[in-house]
């Protein structure tokens, strides 16, 4: 149960950061960190995409393409293609 509470807290913190970057017009800064995480290897990529999906389930208004774009496509679109 403690792990779920920590995961929920972590998601809410990430949502707060993403929201700040969107509202302050700095989505590119968040996106740079996002692309860096995706580029750190298979495990990082898998966990990052899993976290993004969980975050967007609880805060769907953060499905802002400028946050999640990578190599011309949104990460969400890439993860759905790989799952198919």
C-alpha atoms as a PDB file:
ATOM      1  CA  UNK A   1       0.000   0.000   0.000  1.00  0.00           C
ATOM      2  CA  UNK A   2       2.863   2.403   0.763  1.00  0.00           C
ATOM      3  CA  UNK A   3       4.229   1.865  -2.762  1.00  0.00           C
ATOM      4  CA  UNK A   4       0.888   2.913  -4.285  1.00  0.00           C
ATOM      5  CA  UNK A   5       0.789   6.045  -2.154  1.00  0.00           C
ATOM      6  CA  UNK A   6       4.339   6.936  -3.204  1.00  0.00           C
ATOM      7  CA  UNK A   7       3.543   6.280  -6.868  1.00  0.00           C
ATOM      8  CA  UNK A   8       0.448   8.493  -6.638  1.00  0.00           C
ATOM      9  CA  UNK A   9       2.476  11.233  -4.944  1.00  0.00           C
ATOM     10  CA  UNK A  10       5.170  10.976  -7.614  1.00  0.00           C
ATOM     11  CA  UNK A  11       2.568  11.217 -10.401  1.00  0.00           C
ATOM     12  CA  UNK A  12       0.992  14.281  -8.817  1.00  0.00           C
ATOM     13  CA  UNK A  13       4.410  15.929  -8.488  1.00  0.00           C
ATOM     14  CA  UNK A  14       5.193  15.193 -12.134  1.00  0.00           C
ATOM     15  CA  UNK A  15       1.773  16.543 -13.135  1.00  0.00           C
ATOM     16  CA  UNK A  16       2.453  19.735 -11.192  1.00  0.00           C
ATOM     17  CA  UNK A  17       5.779  20.206 -12.957  1.00  0.00           C
ATOM     18  CA  UNK A  18       4.318  19.492 -16.396  1.00  0.00           C
ATOM     19  CA  UNK A  19       1.451  21.896 -15.717  1.00  0.00           C
ATOM     20  CA  UNK A  20       3.904  24.610 -14.640  1.00  0.00           C
ATOM     21  CA  UNK A  21       5.968  24.225 -17.808  1.00  0.00           C
ATOM     22  CA  UNK A  22       2.875  24.344 -20.033  1.00  0.00           C
ATOM     23  CA  UNK A  23       1.372  27.376 -18.298  1.00  0.00           C
ATOM     24  CA  UNK A  24       4.677  29.283 -18.238  1.00  0.00           C
ATOM     25  CA  UNK A  25       5.244  28.704 -21.961  1.00  0.00           C
ATOM     26  CA  UNK A  26       8.223  26.438 -21.309  1.00  0.00           C
ATOM     27  CA  UNK A  27       6.888  23.111 -22.563  1.00  0.00           C
ATOM     28  CA  UNK A  28      10.063  22.773 -24.654  1.00  0.00           C
ATOM     29  CA  UNK A  29      12.146  22.609 -21.456  1.00  0.00           C
ATOM     30  CA  UNK A  30       9.995  19.764 -20.083  1.00  0.00           C
ATOM     31  CA  UNK A  31      10.114  18.060 -23.478  1.00  0.00           C
ATOM     32  CA  UNK A  32      13.897  18.222 -23.518  1.00  0.00           C
ATOM     33  CA  UNK A  33      14.042  16.372 -20.191  1.00  0.00           C
ATOM     34  CA  UNK A  34      11.399  13.922 -21.463  1.00  0.00           C
ATOM     35  CA  UNK A  35      13.422  13.125 -24.595  1.00  0.00           C
ATOM     36  CA  UNK A  36      16.547  12.717 -22.468  1.00  0.00           C
ATOM     37  CA  UNK A  37      14.781  10.146 -20.265  1.00  0.00           C
ATOM     38  CA  UNK A  38      13.533   8.230 -23.314  1.00  0.00           C
ATOM     39  CA  UNK A  39      17.034   8.122 -24.739  1.00  0.00           C
ATOM     40  CA  UNK A  40      18.655   6.578 -21.662  1.00  0.00           C
ATOM     41  CA  UNK A  41      17.926   3.005 -22.620  1.00  0.00           C
ATOM     42  CA  UNK A  42      15.176   0.437 -22.859  1.00  0.00           C
ATOM     43  CA  UNK A  43      14.346   0.346 -19.149  1.00  0.00           C
ATOM     44  CA  UNK A  44      14.149   4.124 -18.847  1.00  0.00           C
ATOM     45  CA  UNK A  45      12.014   4.304 -21.984  1.00  0.00           C
ATOM     46  CA  UNK A  46       9.605   1.613 -20.781  1.00  0.00           C
ATOM     47  CA  UNK A  47       9.216   3.179 -17.337  1.00  0.00           C
ATOM     48  CA  UNK A  48       8.876   6.693 -18.772  1.00  0.00           C
ATOM     49  CA  UNK A  49       6.134   5.665 -21.192  1.00  0.00           C
ATOM     50  CA  UNK A  50       4.360   3.747 -18.431  1.00  0.00           C
ATOM     51  CA  UNK A  51       4.560   6.805 -16.175  1.00  0.00           C
ATOM     52  CA  UNK A  52       3.287   9.098 -18.924  1.00  0.00           C
ATOM     53  CA  UNK A  53       0.251   6.871 -19.485  1.00  0.00           C
ATOM     54  CA  UNK A  54      -0.499   6.773 -15.754  1.00  0.00           C
ATOM     55  CA  UNK A  55      -0.097  10.538 -15.462  1.00  0.00           C
ATOM     56  CA  UNK A  56      -2.449  11.167 -18.387  1.00  0.00           C
ATOM     57  CA  UNK A  57      -5.057   8.853 -16.856  1.00  0.00           C
ATOM     58  CA  UNK A  58      -5.247  11.038 -13.763  1.00  0.00           C
ATOM     59  CA  UNK A  59      -4.637  14.412 -15.478  1.00  0.00           C
ATOM     60  CA  UNK A  60      -5.817  14.036 -19.097  1.00  0.00           C
ATOM     61  CA  UNK A  61      -5.605  17.779 -19.735  1.00  0.00           C
ATOM     62  CA  UNK A  62      -1.812  17.362 -19.787  1.00  0.00           C
ATOM     63  CA  UNK A  63      -2.058  15.469 -23.061  1.00  0.00           C
ATOM     64  CA  UNK A  64      -0.365  18.470 -24.659  1.00  0.00           C
ATOM     65  CA  UNK A  65       1.707  17.463 -27.698  1.00  0.00           C
ATOM     66  CA  UNK A  66       4.463  19.978 -26.885  1.00  0.00           C
ATOM     67  CA  UNK A  67       5.228  18.042 -23.686  1.00  0.00           C
ATOM     68  CA  UNK A  68       5.441  14.577 -25.161  1.00  0.00           C
ATOM     69  CA  UNK A  69       6.787  15.016 -28.692  1.00  0.00           C
ATOM     70  CA  UNK A  70       9.776  12.969 -29.749  1.00  0.00           C
ATOM     71  CA  UNK A  71      11.266  12.719 -33.217  1.00  0.00           C
ATOM     72  CA  UNK A  72       8.224  14.280 -34.850  1.00  0.00           C
ATOM     73  CA  UNK A  73       5.670  12.060 -33.066  1.00  0.00           C
ATOM     74  CA  UNK A  74       4.067  12.090 -29.672  1.00  0.00           C
ATOM     75  CA  UNK A  75       5.475   9.415 -27.368  1.00  0.00           C
ATOM     76  CA  UNK A  76       1.915   8.219 -26.723  1.00  0.00           C
ATOM     77  CA  UNK A  77       1.487   7.462 -30.439  1.00  0.00           C
ATOM     78  CA  UNK A  78       4.835   5.640 -30.498  1.00  0.00           C
ATOM     79  CA  UNK A  79       3.964   3.478 -27.509  1.00  0.00           C
ATOM     80  CA  UNK A  80       0.625   2.497 -29.068  1.00  0.00           C
ATOM     81  CA  UNK A  81       2.386   1.519 -32.313  1.00  0.00           C
ATOM     82  CA  UNK A  82       4.820  -0.705 -30.416  1.00  0.00           C
ATOM     83  CA  UNK A  83       1.998  -2.361 -28.473  1.00  0.00           C
ATOM     84  CA  UNK A  84       0.233  -3.375 -31.706  1.00  0.00           C
END
